[in-house]
Amino acid sequence: MIKLFSTLGLALLAGTALAQAYPNRPIKIITGFSAGSGPDAVLRVVSEKMSKDLGVAVLVDNRPGGNGFIALEAGKKAAPDGYTFVQMDDAQMSLQPYLYKNIPYNVHKDFDPVGTFFKTYFFVTTSSSSPWKNVADLIAAGKAKKDGLTYGSWFVGSPGHIGGAMLESSTGLAMTHVPFKETPMVYQNVASGEVDWAFGTAGSAGPLYRAKKLKFLAIASPKRLPAFADIPTVAEAGGPAGFELGAWVAVQAPKGTPTDASSKFAASLNKALADPEVKEKFTTFGFEPFVSAPADISRMIAADDKRYGEFVKKAKISTE
């Protein structure tokens, strides 16, 4: 009996030591965003800070394509041990369930909210060689062009796709959506003139904007961004009044991940987001560091569920 108690005691001590040792091996963050995109770029900045803070490598695992399904399904199937997390945006969490009949994940049943990375607004981008000087010019061209305009996005159901549908709805334009497998391809095709325009963040479209291959006609936000003070809002540029298109990006864990592990990960994430160097880098991308507790994330998802559900039904958007 004494031997039995001793064995149980050693097992309990070993379990406690193991829990206290977290993390003791590399942590992986799966993302459906391609390398070089805005969400990927800031994720790498944050993961570098987290690696130093946690004492283990925090690795970025890019799995683009499939409307984000490839990455999210991989995250769903990962062991819930605190060593795999998933980066996803609000569209993947709340919009796609209304667009697809056979979606390979359920954000409520397959994942637990952990924290948030940032929120951002989208620019109206077009080729630098385009004759358009503002959104009013874009709208006029769309009404004059027999076949309408084309606009790109990084997948069906992405914020860029829904934003285009919102602009169609608010202006009466009829446009053709052109989805791409990876985010950089969207802006390469806009810059070359193969696609007329697209919504893009300063992170994703910024490299070609700085290379003077793209221009920003407007920002779909309530006010101008300090880092891009010369870029007017959509309303200021002759577009619909009050037109906004934003997004927020979160990190989730496979359902059942130990709370202690998720909490330690979240604490390190929030510490990284408060770092002045990280804040400066985010500003360059036009992103705003965004810290939220799991309960807040659940409430935001619920609010987006209602908003997106109503819009998809009203606009009769189909993925078929």
C-alpha atoms as a PDB file:
ATOM      1  CA  MET A   1       0.000   0.000   0.000  1.00  0.00           C
ATOM      2  CA  ILE A   2       2.823   2.339   0.874  1.00  0.00           C
ATOM      3  CA  LYS A   3       4.459   1.503  -2.451  1.00  0.00           C
ATOM      4  CA  LEU A   4       1.181   2.213  -4.283  1.00  0.00           C
ATOM      5  CA  PHE A   5       0.824   5.622  -2.650  1.00  0.00           C
ATOM      6  CA  SER A   6       4.446   6.410  -3.461  1.00  0.00           C
ATOM      7  CA  THR A   7       3.888   5.530  -7.107  1.00  0.00           C
ATOM      8  CA  LEU A   8       0.755   7.679  -7.297  1.00  0.00           C
ATOM      9  CA  GLY A   9       2.570  10.539  -5.613  1.00  0.00           C
ATOM     10  CA  LEU A  10       5.428  10.376  -8.089  1.00  0.00           C
ATOM     11  CA  ALA A  11       2.965  10.327 -10.982  1.00  0.00           C
ATOM     12  CA  LEU A  12       1.177  13.390  -9.645  1.00  0.00           C
ATOM     13  CA  LEU A  13       4.462  15.205  -9.145  1.00  0.00           C
ATOM     14  CA  ALA A  14       5.567  14.297 -12.653  1.00  0.00           C
ATOM     15  CA  GLY A  15       2.265  15.564 -14.061  1.00  0.00           C
ATOM     16  CA  THR A  16       2.615  18.830 -12.170  1.00  0.00           C
ATOM     17  CA  ALA A  17       6.183  19.286 -13.352  1.00  0.00           C
ATOM     18  CA  LEU A  18       5.123  18.601 -16.934  1.00  0.00           C
ATOM     19  CA  ALA A  19       2.347  21.198 -16.708  1.00  0.00           C
ATOM     20  CA  GLN A  20       4.731  23.748 -15.227  1.00  0.00           C
ATOM     21  CA  ALA A  21       7.229  23.066 -17.993  1.00  0.00           C
ATOM     22  CA  TYR A  22       4.903  24.285 -20.761  1.00  0.00           C
ATOM     23  CA  PRO A  23       6.070  25.058 -23.325  1.00  0.00           C
ATOM     24  CA  ASN A  24       8.972  22.649 -23.671  1.00  0.00           C
ATOM     25  CA  ARG A  25       9.011  22.259 -27.464  1.00  0.00           C
ATOM     26  CA  PRO A  26       8.230  24.390 -30.542  1.00  0.00           C
ATOM     27  CA  ILE A  27       4.748  25.853 -30.941  1.00  0.00           C
ATOM     28  CA  LYS A  28       3.125  26.014 -34.382  1.00  0.00           C
ATOM     29  CA  ILE A  29       0.658  28.618 -35.636  1.00  0.00           C
ATOM     30  CA  ILE A  30      -1.170  27.449 -38.762  1.00  0.00           C
ATOM     31  CA  THR A  31      -2.389  30.170 -41.105  1.00  0.00           C
ATOM     32  CA  GLY A  32      -4.352  30.064 -44.329  1.00  0.00           C
ATOM     33  CA  PHE A  33      -2.712  33.306 -45.450  1.00  0.00           C
ATOM     34  CA  SER A  34       0.139  32.990 -47.911  1.00  0.00           C
ATOM     35  CA  ALA A  35       3.699  34.051 -47.181  1.00  0.00           C
ATOM     36  CA  GLY A  36       4.138  37.738 -47.907  1.00  0.00           C
ATOM     37  CA  SER A  37       0.534  38.693 -47.164  1.00  0.00           C
ATOM     38  CA  GLY A  38      -0.239  41.258 -44.460  1.00  0.00           C
ATOM     39  CA  PRO A  39      -1.551  38.777 -41.850  1.00  0.00           C
ATOM     40  CA  ASP A  40       1.473  36.535 -42.450  1.00  0.00           C
ATOM     41  CA  ALA A  41       3.934  39.414 -42.138  1.00  0.00           C
ATOM     42  CA  VAL A  42       2.628  40.631 -38.780  1.00  0.00           C
ATOM     43  CA  LEU A  43       2.282  37.068 -37.527  1.00  0.00           C
ATOM     44  CA  ARG A  44       5.997  36.574 -38.119  1.00  0.00           C
ATOM     45  CA  VAL A  45       6.834  39.786 -36.255  1.00  0.00           C
ATOM     46  CA  VAL A  46       4.726  38.659 -33.302  1.00  0.00           C
ATOM     47  CA  SER A  47       5.950  35.048 -33.347  1.00  0.00           C
ATOM     48  CA  GLU A  48       9.557  36.234 -33.156  1.00  0.00           C
ATOM     49  CA  LYS A  49       8.794  38.199 -29.991  1.00  0.00           C
ATOM     50  CA  MET A  50       6.851  35.279 -28.538  1.00  0.00           C
ATOM     51  CA  SER A  51       9.729  32.885 -29.220  1.00  0.00           C
ATOM     52  CA  LYS A  52      12.028  35.015 -27.079  1.00  0.00           C
ATOM     53  CA  ASP A  53       9.419  35.367 -24.357  1.00  0.00           C
ATOM     54  CA  LEU A  54       8.415  31.687 -24.149  1.00  0.00           C
ATOM     55  CA  GLY A  55      11.900  30.262 -24.672  1.00  0.00           C
ATOM     56  CA  VAL A  56      10.835  27.981 -27.534  1.00  0.00           C
ATOM     57  CA  ALA A  57      10.436  28.530 -31.259  1.00  0.00           C
ATOM     58  CA  VAL A  58       7.011  29.812 -32.306  1.00  0.00           C
ATOM     59  CA  LEU A  59       6.737  28.724 -35.940  1.00  0.00           C
ATOM     60  CA  VAL A  60       4.466  29.970 -38.729  1.00  0.00           C
ATOM     61  CA  ASP A  61       2.938  27.183 -40.850  1.00  0.00           C
ATOM     62  CA  ASN A  62       1.476  28.649 -44.075  1.00  0.00           C
ATOM     63  CA  ARG A  63      -1.216  26.514 -45.699  1.00  0.00           C
ATOM     64  CA  PRO A  64      -2.888  28.772 -48.277  1.00  0.00           C
ATOM     65  CA  GLY A  65      -5.595  27.786 -50.701  1.00  0.00           C
ATOM     66  CA  GLY A  66      -8.998  26.162 -50.516  1.00  0.00           C
ATOM     67  CA  ASN A  67     -10.682  29.329 -49.210  1.00  0.00           C
ATOM     68  CA  GLY A  68      -8.737  28.840 -45.992  1.00  0.00           C
ATOM     69  CA  PHE A  69     -10.254  25.389 -45.487  1.00  0.00           C
ATOM     70  CA  ILE A  70      -6.875  23.618 -45.790  1.00  0.00           C
ATOM     71  CA  ALA A  71      -5.418  25.497 -42.840  1.00  0.00           C
ATOM     72  CA  LEU A  72      -8.528  25.359 -40.678  1.00  0.00           C
ATOM     73  CA  GLU A  73      -9.063  21.650 -41.231  1.00  0.00           C
ATOM     74  CA  ALA A  74      -5.420  21.010 -40.289  1.00  0.00           C
ATOM     75  CA  GLY A  75      -5.935  23.035 -37.121  1.00  0.00           C
ATOM     76  CA  LYS A  76      -9.148  21.207 -36.316  1.00  0.00           C
ATOM     77  CA  LYS A  77      -7.389  17.824 -36.586  1.00  0.00           C
ATOM     78  CA  ALA A  78      -4.295  18.876 -34.598  1.00  0.00           C
ATOM     79  CA  ALA A  79      -3.718  17.444 -31.146  1.00  0.00           C
ATOM     80  CA  PRO A  80      -5.253  19.760 -28.497  1.00  0.00           C
ATOM     81  CA  ASP A  81      -2.030  19.862 -26.498  1.00  0.00           C
ATOM     82  CA  GLY A  82      -1.162  23.564 -26.551  1.00  0.00           C
ATOM     83  CA  TYR A  83       1.424  23.245 -29.301  1.00  0.00           C
ATOM     84  CA  THR A  84      -0.787  24.054 -32.278  1.00  0.00           C
ATOM     85  CA  PHE A  85      -2.836  27.218 -32.760  1.00  0.00           C
ATOM     86  CA  VAL A  86      -4.643  28.647 -35.781  1.00  0.00           C
ATOM     87  CA  GLN A  87      -4.758  32.187 -37.162  1.00  0.00           C
ATOM     88  CA  MET A  88      -8.110  33.048 -38.747  1.00  0.00           C
ATOM     89  CA  ASP A  89     -10.010  36.163 -39.739  1.00  0.00           C
ATOM     90  CA  ASP A  90     -13.579  37.203 -39.041  1.00  0.00           C
ATOM     91  CA  ALA A  91     -14.772  36.000 -42.461  1.00  0.00           C
ATOM     92  CA  GLN A  92     -13.493  32.487 -41.793  1.00  0.00           C
ATOM     93  CA  MET A  93     -15.120  32.510 -38.372  1.00  0.00           C
ATOM     94  CA  SER A  94     -18.501  34.056 -39.186  1.00  0.00           C
ATOM     95  CA  LEU A  95     -19.058  34.573 -42.917  1.00  0.00           C
ATOM     96  CA  GLN A  96     -18.080  31.343 -44.640  1.00  0.00           C
ATOM     97  CA  PRO A  97     -20.652  29.210 -42.773  1.00  0.00           C
ATOM     98  CA  TYR A  98     -23.335  31.223 -44.580  1.00  0.00           C
ATOM     99  CA  LEU A  99     -21.710  30.834 -47.985  1.00  0.00           C
ATOM    100  CA  TYR A 100     -20.842  27.139 -48.097  1.00  0.00           C
ATOM    101  CA  LYS A 101     -23.129  24.155 -47.593  1.00  0.00           C
ATOM    102  CA  ASN A 102     -20.305  21.717 -46.886  1.00  0.00           C
ATOM    103  CA  ILE A 103     -17.786  23.543 -44.735  1.00  0.00           C
ATOM    104  CA  PRO A 104     -15.126  21.275 -43.152  1.00  0.00           C
ATOM    105  CA  TYR A 105     -15.083  22.988 -39.768  1.00  0.00           C
ATOM    106  CA  ASN A 106     -17.341  24.564 -37.172  1.00  0.00           C
ATOM    107  CA  VAL A 107     -15.677  27.436 -35.372  1.00  0.00           C
ATOM    108  CA  HIS A 108     -17.891  26.930 -32.308  1.00  0.00           C
ATOM    109  CA  LYS A 109     -17.493  23.150 -32.015  1.00  0.00           C
ATOM    110  CA  ASP A 110     -13.943  22.637 -33.298  1.00  0.00           C
ATOM    111  CA  PHE A 111     -12.037  25.566 -31.768  1.00  0.00           C
ATOM    112  CA  ASP A 112     -11.615  27.538 -28.558  1.00  0.00           C
ATOM    113  CA  PRO A 113     -10.903  31.296 -28.755  1.00  0.00           C
ATOM    114  CA  VAL A 114      -7.509  32.331 -27.404  1.00  0.00           C
ATOM    115  CA  GLY A 115      -6.683  35.908 -28.412  1.00  0.00           C
ATOM    116  CA  THR A 116      -6.639  38.475 -31.214  1.00  0.00           C
ATOM    117  CA  PHE A 117      -3.872  39.941 -33.385  1.00  0.00           C
ATOM    118  CA  PHE A 118      -5.164  43.074 -35.053  1.00  0.00           C
ATOM    119  CA  LYS A 119      -8.003  44.880 -36.760  1.00  0.00           C
ATOM    120  CA  THR A 120      -7.691  46.787 -39.998  1.00  0.00           C
ATOM    121  CA  TYR A 121      -9.544  48.556 -42.790  1.00  0.00           C
ATOM    122  CA  PHE A 122      -9.223  48.026 -46.533  1.00  0.00           C
ATOM    123  CA  PHE A 123      -8.014  50.342 -49.283  1.00  0.00           C
ATOM    124  CA  VAL A 124      -9.552  50.505 -52.747  1.00  0.00           C
ATOM    125  CA  THR A 125      -6.565  49.576 -54.927  1.00  0.00           C
ATOM    126  CA  THR A 126      -6.028  49.834 -58.655  1.00  0.00           C
ATOM    127  CA  SER A 127      -3.118  49.898 -61.095  1.00  0.00           C
ATOM    128  CA  SER A 128      -0.875  52.939 -61.059  1.00  0.00           C
ATOM    129  CA  SER A 129      -1.511  53.198 -64.801  1.00  0.00           C
ATOM    130  CA  SER A 130      -5.273  53.422 -64.268  1.00  0.00           C
ATOM    131  CA  PRO A 131      -6.830  56.765 -65.256  1.00  0.00           C
ATOM    132  CA  TRP A 132      -9.018  56.727 -62.131  1.00  0.00           C
ATOM    133  CA  LYS A 133      -8.172  59.324 -59.522  1.00  0.00           C
ATOM    134  CA  ASN A 134     -10.860  58.463 -56.984  1.00  0.00           C
ATOM    135  CA  VAL A 135     -13.788  56.150 -56.241  1.00  0.00           C
ATOM    136  CA  ALA A 136     -16.179  58.389 -58.167  1.00  0.00           C
ATOM    137  CA  ASP A 137     -14.097  57.671 -61.303  1.00  0.00           C
ATOM    138  CA  LEU A 138     -14.247  53.920 -60.594  1.00  0.00           C
ATOM    139  CA  ILE A 139     -18.029  54.025 -60.248  1.00  0.00           C
ATOM    140  CA  ALA A 140     -18.405  56.088 -63.433  1.00  0.00           C
ATOM    141  CA  ALA A 141     -16.207  53.646 -65.347  1.00  0.00           C
ATOM    142  CA  GLY A 142     -18.226  50.718 -64.042  1.00  0.00           C
ATOM    143  CA  LYS A 143     -21.468  52.262 -65.247  1.00  0.00           C
ATOM    144  CA  ALA A 144     -19.999  53.120 -68.642  1.00  0.00           C
ATOM    145  CA  LYS A 145     -18.323  49.776 -69.315  1.00  0.00           C
ATOM    146  CA  LYS A 146     -20.612  47.351 -71.136  1.00  0.00           C
ATOM    147  CA  ASP A 147     -19.344  44.222 -69.403  1.00  0.00           C
ATOM    148  CA  GLY A 148     -18.775  45.942 -66.061  1.00  0.00           C
ATOM    149  CA  LEU A 149     -15.601  45.961 -63.987  1.00  0.00           C
ATOM    150  CA  THR A 150     -13.653  43.074 -62.511  1.00  0.00           C
ATOM    151  CA  TYR A 151     -12.448  42.985 -58.935  1.00  0.00           C
ATOM    152  CA  GLY A 152     -10.116  40.475 -57.304  1.00  0.00           C
ATOM    153  CA  SER A 153      -9.931  38.821 -53.916  1.00  0.00           C
ATOM    154  CA  TRP A 154      -7.940  36.059 -52.249  1.00  0.00           C
ATOM    155  CA  PHE A 155     -10.850  33.583 -52.206  1.00  0.00           C
ATOM    156  CA  VAL A 156     -14.611  33.301 -52.512  1.00  0.00           C
ATOM    157  CA  GLY A 157     -16.132  34.576 -49.283  1.00  0.00           C
ATOM    158  CA  SER A 158     -13.103  36.653 -48.319  1.00  0.00           C
ATOM    159  CA  PRO A 159     -13.544  40.208 -46.989  1.00  0.00           C
ATOM    160  CA  GLY A 160     -12.363  41.428 -50.402  1.00  0.00           C
ATOM    161  CA  HIS A 161     -15.128  39.461 -52.118  1.00  0.00           C
ATOM    162  CA  ILE A 162     -17.858  40.590 -49.721  1.00  0.00           C
ATOM    163  CA  GLY A 163     -16.572  44.164 -49.857  1.00  0.00           C
ATOM    164  CA  GLY A 164     -16.946  44.143 -53.629  1.00  0.00           C
ATOM    165  CA  ALA A 165     -20.478  42.794 -53.293  1.00  0.00           C
ATOM    166  CA  MET A 166     -21.241  45.540 -50.770  1.00  0.00           C
ATOM    167  CA  LEU A 167     -19.964  48.192 -53.199  1.00  0.00           C
ATOM    168  CA  GLU A 168     -22.096  46.674 -55.957  1.00  0.00           C
ATOM    169  CA  SER A 169     -25.145  46.770 -53.713  1.00  0.00           C
ATOM    170  CA  SER A 170     -24.593  50.369 -52.592  1.00  0.00           C
ATOM    171  CA  THR A 171     -23.839  51.784 -56.070  1.00  0.00           C
ATOM    172  CA  GLY A 172     -25.984  49.681 -58.394  1.00  0.00           C
ATOM    173  CA  LEU A 173     -22.928  48.445 -60.288  1.00  0.00           C
ATOM    174  CA  ALA A 174     -22.680  44.964 -61.772  1.00  0.00           C
ATOM    175  CA  MET A 175     -19.136  43.623 -61.447  1.00  0.00           C
ATOM    176  CA  THR A 176     -17.368  40.299 -61.896  1.00  0.00           C
ATOM    177  CA  HIS A 177     -15.523  38.770 -58.949  1.00  0.00           C
ATOM    178  CA  VAL A 178     -12.177  37.122 -59.777  1.00  0.00           C
ATOM    179  CA  PRO A 179     -10.881  34.911 -56.917  1.00  0.00           C
ATOM    180  CA  PHE A 180      -7.231  33.857 -56.604  1.00  0.00           C
ATOM    181  CA  LYS A 181      -5.523  31.073 -54.686  1.00  0.00           C
ATOM    182  CA  GLU A 182      -3.021  33.316 -52.902  1.00  0.00           C
ATOM    183  CA  THR A 183      -3.217  36.916 -51.722  1.00  0.00           C
ATOM    184  CA  PRO A 184      -0.130  38.321 -53.556  1.00  0.00           C
ATOM    185  CA  MET A 185      -1.581  37.124 -56.865  1.00  0.00           C
ATOM    186  CA  VAL A 186      -4.550  39.467 -56.421  1.00  0.00           C
ATOM    187  CA  TYR A 187      -2.419  42.596 -56.394  1.00  0.00           C
ATOM    188  CA  GLN A 188      -0.029  41.383 -59.076  1.00  0.00           C
ATOM    189  CA  ASN A 189      -3.002  41.044 -61.404  1.00  0.00           C
ATOM    190  CA  VAL A 190      -4.441  44.422 -60.390  1.00  0.00           C
ATOM    191  CA  ALA A 191      -1.039  46.068 -60.938  1.00  0.00           C
ATOM    192  CA  SER A 192      -0.774  44.532 -64.421  1.00  0.00           C
ATOM    193  CA  GLY A 193      -4.292  45.626 -65.329  1.00  0.00           C
ATOM    194  CA  GLU A 194      -5.603  42.079 -65.749  1.00  0.00           C
ATOM    195  CA  VAL A 195      -8.106  42.852 -62.968  1.00  0.00           C
ATOM    196  CA  ASP A 196      -9.582  46.327 -62.621  1.00  0.00           C
ATOM    197  CA  TRP A 197      -9.395  46.781 -58.860  1.00  0.00           C
ATOM    198  CA  ALA A 198      -9.427  45.097 -55.461  1.00  0.00           C
ATOM    199  CA  PHE A 199      -9.759  45.800 -51.779  1.00  0.00           C
ATOM    200  CA  GLY A 200      -6.462  45.374 -49.938  1.00  0.00           C
ATOM    201  CA  THR A 201      -4.774  46.219 -46.655  1.00  0.00           C
ATOM    202  CA  ALA A 202      -1.582  48.202 -46.399  1.00  0.00           C
ATOM    203  CA  GLY A 203       0.111  44.955 -45.422  1.00  0.00           C
ATOM    204  CA  SER A 204      -0.950  42.882 -48.422  1.00  0.00           C
ATOM    205  CA  ALA A 205      -1.095  45.578 -51.113  1.00  0.00           C
ATOM    206  CA  GLY A 206       1.576  47.796 -49.546  1.00  0.00           C
ATOM    207  CA  PRO A 207       4.658  46.322 -51.270  1.00  0.00           C
ATOM    208  CA  LEU A 208       3.301  47.070 -54.755  1.00  0.00           C
ATOM    209  CA  TYR A 209       1.946  50.421 -53.562  1.00  0.00           C
ATOM    210  CA  ARG A 210       5.409  51.409 -52.335  1.00  0.00           C
ATOM    211  CA  ALA A 211       6.875  50.146 -55.624  1.00  0.00           C
ATOM    212  CA  LYS A 212       4.444  52.554 -57.365  1.00  0.00           C
ATOM    213  CA  LYS A 213       2.734  49.722 -59.232  1.00  0.00           C
ATOM    214  CA  LEU A 214      -0.520  50.184 -57.334  1.00  0.00           C
ATOM    215  CA  LYS A 215      -2.342  53.266 -56.102  1.00  0.00           C
ATOM    216  CA  PHE A 216      -4.852  53.633 -53.302  1.00  0.00           C
ATOM    217  CA  LEU A 217      -8.020  55.488 -54.305  1.00  0.00           C
ATOM    218  CA  ALA A 218      -9.559  55.486 -50.833  1.00  0.00           C
ATOM    219  CA  ILE A 219      -9.708  53.789 -47.431  1.00  0.00           C
ATOM    220  CA  ALA A 220     -12.975  52.090 -46.417  1.00  0.00           C
ATOM    221  CA  SER A 221     -12.909  53.393 -42.851  1.00  0.00           C
ATOM    222  CA  PRO A 222     -14.786  56.026 -40.828  1.00  0.00           C
ATOM    223  CA  LYS A 223     -11.750  58.321 -40.927  1.00  0.00           C
ATOM    224  CA  ARG A 224      -8.322  58.546 -42.543  1.00  0.00           C
ATOM    225  CA  LEU A 225      -5.471  56.459 -41.178  1.00  0.00           C
ATOM    226  CA  PRO A 226      -2.617  58.452 -39.573  1.00  0.00           C
ATOM    227  CA  ALA A 227      -0.011  56.482 -41.529  1.00  0.00           C
ATOM    228  CA  PHE A 228      -1.839  57.258 -44.821  1.00  0.00           C
ATOM    229  CA  ALA A 229      -3.236  60.696 -44.073  1.00  0.00           C
ATOM    230  CA  ASP A 230      -3.261  61.663 -47.765  1.00  0.00           C
ATOM    231  CA  ILE A 231      -5.632  58.805 -48.681  1.00  0.00           C
ATOM    232  CA  PRO A 232      -9.291  59.902 -48.401  1.00  0.00           C
ATOM    233  CA  THR A 233     -12.133  57.797 -47.069  1.00  0.00           C
ATOM    234  CA  VAL A 234     -14.486  56.176 -49.594  1.00  0.00           C
ATOM    235  CA  ALA A 235     -17.075  58.879 -48.927  1.00  0.00           C
ATOM    236  CA  GLU A 236     -14.488  61.645 -49.378  1.00  0.00           C
ATOM    237  CA  ALA A 237     -13.434  60.034 -52.673  1.00  0.00           C
ATOM    238  CA  GLY A 238     -16.920  60.202 -54.149  1.00  0.00           C
ATOM    239  CA  GLY A 239     -18.143  56.804 -53.012  1.00  0.00           C
ATOM    240  CA  PRO A 240     -21.165  55.814 -50.900  1.00  0.00           C
ATOM    241  CA  ALA A 241     -21.517  57.683 -47.600  1.00  0.00           C
ATOM    242  CA  GLY A 242     -20.607  55.632 -44.539  1.00  0.00           C
ATOM    243  CA  PHE A 243     -19.070  52.802 -46.572  1.00  0.00           C
ATOM    244  CA  GLU A 244     -16.750  50.716 -44.382  1.00  0.00           C
ATOM    245  CA  LEU A 245     -14.894  47.449 -44.846  1.00  0.00           C
ATOM    246  CA  GLY A 246     -12.762  46.157 -42.025  1.00  0.00           C
ATOM    247  CA  ALA A 247     -11.522  42.888 -40.623  1.00  0.00           C
ATOM    248  CA  TRP A 248     -10.102  41.471 -37.442  1.00  0.00           C
ATOM    249  CA  VAL A 249      -7.822  38.496 -37.029  1.00  0.00           C
ATOM    250  CA  ALA A 250      -7.770  36.089 -34.093  1.00  0.00           C
ATOM    251  CA  VAL A 251      -5.967  33.008 -32.871  1.00  0.00           C
ATOM    252  CA  GLN A 252      -7.894  29.874 -31.943  1.00  0.00           C
ATOM    253  CA  ALA A 253      -6.902  26.533 -30.443  1.00  0.00           C
ATOM    254  CA  PRO A 254      -8.182  23.050 -31.286  1.00  0.00           C
ATOM    255  CA  LYS A 255     -11.162  22.282 -29.041  1.00  0.00           C
ATOM    256  CA  GLY A 256     -10.063  20.807 -25.733  1.00  0.00           C
ATOM    257  CA  THR A 257      -6.667  22.506 -25.542  1.00  0.00           C
ATOM    258  CA  PRO A 258      -5.703  22.901 -21.866  1.00  0.00           C
ATOM    259  CA  THR A 259      -6.716  26.309 -20.533  1.00  0.00           C
ATOM    260  CA  ASP A 260      -3.360  26.768 -18.806  1.00  0.00           C
ATOM    261  CA  ALA A 261      -1.528  26.383 -22.129  1.00  0.00           C
ATOM    262  CA  SER A 262      -3.888  28.697 -24.010  1.00  0.00           C
ATOM    263  CA  SER A 263      -3.680  31.294 -21.238  1.00  0.00           C
ATOM    264  CA  LYS A 264       0.122  31.269 -21.259  1.00  0.00           C
ATOM    265  CA  PHE A 265       0.149  31.545 -25.047  1.00  0.00           C
ATOM    266  CA  ALA A 266      -2.341  34.431 -24.917  1.00  0.00           C
ATOM    267  CA  ALA A 267      -0.333  36.257 -22.254  1.00  0.00           C
ATOM    268  CA  SER A 268       2.774  36.054 -24.438  1.00  0.00           C
ATOM    269  CA  LEU A 269       0.791  37.181 -27.491  1.00  0.00           C
ATOM    270  CA  ASN A 270      -0.609  40.198 -25.640  1.00  0.00           C
ATOM    271  CA  LYS A 271       2.856  41.069 -24.354  1.00  0.00           C
ATOM    272  CA  ALA A 272       4.185  41.021 -27.927  1.00  0.00           C
ATOM    273  CA  LEU A 273       1.340  43.236 -29.144  1.00  0.00           C
ATOM    274  CA  ALA A 274       2.210  45.815 -26.473  1.00  0.00           C
ATOM    275  CA  ASP A 275       5.850  45.962 -27.581  1.00  0.00           C
ATOM    276  CA  PRO A 276       6.689  49.402 -29.115  1.00  0.00           C
ATOM    277  CA  GLU A 277       8.624  47.792 -31.971  1.00  0.00           C
ATOM    278  CA  VAL A 278       5.656  45.584 -32.850  1.00  0.00           C
ATOM    279  CA  LYS A 279       3.251  48.531 -32.641  1.00  0.00           C
ATOM    280  CA  GLU A 280       5.444  50.509 -35.019  1.00  0.00           C
ATOM    281  CA  LYS A 281       5.569  47.622 -37.486  1.00  0.00           C
ATOM    282  CA  PHE A 282       1.791  47.199 -37.329  1.00  0.00           C
ATOM    283  CA  THR A 283       1.325  50.912 -38.054  1.00  0.00           C
ATOM    284  CA  THR A 284       3.429  50.489 -41.196  1.00  0.00           C
ATOM    285  CA  PHE A 285       0.974  47.844 -42.349  1.00  0.00           C
ATOM    286  CA  GLY A 286      -2.037  49.977 -41.442  1.00  0.00           C
ATOM    287  CA  PHE A 287      -2.966  47.472 -38.726  1.00  0.00           C
ATOM    288  CA  GLU A 288      -4.002  48.220 -35.152  1.00  0.00           C
ATOM    289  CA  PRO A 289      -2.875  45.760 -32.446  1.00  0.00           C
ATOM    290  CA  PHE A 290      -6.017  44.321 -30.935  1.00  0.00           C
ATOM    291  CA  VAL A 291      -6.150  42.548 -27.566  1.00  0.00           C
ATOM    292  CA  SER A 292      -9.265  40.586 -26.579  1.00  0.00           C
ATOM    293  CA  ALA A 293     -10.142  37.962 -23.981  1.00  0.00           C
ATOM    294  CA  PRO A 294     -11.761  34.662 -25.098  1.00  0.00           C
ATOM    295  CA  ALA A 295     -15.217  35.756 -23.864  1.00  0.00           C
ATOM    296  CA  ASP A 296     -14.947  38.978 -25.902  1.00  0.00           C
ATOM    297  CA  ILE A 297     -13.975  37.001 -28.990  1.00  0.00           C
ATOM    298  CA  SER A 298     -17.033  34.772 -28.603  1.00  0.00           C
ATOM    299  CA  ARG A 299     -19.264  37.847 -28.401  1.00  0.00           C
ATOM    300  CA  MET A 300     -17.661  39.392 -31.514  1.00  0.00           C
ATOM    301  CA  ILE A 301     -18.150  36.161 -33.454  1.00  0.00           C
ATOM    302  CA  ALA A 302     -21.823  36.068 -32.435  1.00  0.00           C
ATOM    303  CA  ALA A 303     -22.308  39.687 -33.567  1.00  0.00           C
ATOM    304  CA  ASP A 304     -20.577  38.992 -36.903  1.00  0.00           C
ATOM    305  CA  ASP A 305     -22.678  35.844 -37.378  1.00  0.00           C
ATOM    306  CA  LYS A 306     -25.815  37.994 -37.292  1.00  0.00           C
ATOM    307  CA  ARG A 307     -24.392  40.786 -39.479  1.00  0.00           C
ATOM    308  CA  TYR A 308     -22.941  38.515 -42.168  1.00  0.00           C
ATOM    309  CA  GLY A 309     -25.932  36.200 -42.163  1.00  0.00           C
ATOM    310  CA  GLU A 310     -28.309  39.078 -42.853  1.00  0.00           C
ATOM    311  CA  PHE A 311     -26.106  40.539 -45.602  1.00  0.00           C
ATOM    312  CA  VAL A 312     -25.585  37.249 -47.460  1.00  0.00           C
ATOM    313  CA  LYS A 313     -29.332  36.588 -47.408  1.00  0.00           C
ATOM    314  CA  LYS A 314     -30.184  40.119 -48.575  1.00  0.00           C
ATOM    315  CA  ALA A 315     -27.517  40.213 -51.306  1.00  0.00           C
ATOM    316  CA  LYS A 316     -28.294  36.619 -52.385  1.00  0.00           C
ATOM    317  CA  ILE A 317     -24.582  35.834 -52.625  1.00  0.00           C
ATOM    318  CA  SER A 318     -23.905  32.333 -53.881  1.00  0.00           C
ATOM    319  CA  THR A 319     -20.716  30.298 -54.038  1.00  0.00           C
ATOM    320  CA  GLU A 320     -22.105  27.907 -56.642  1.00  0.00           C
END
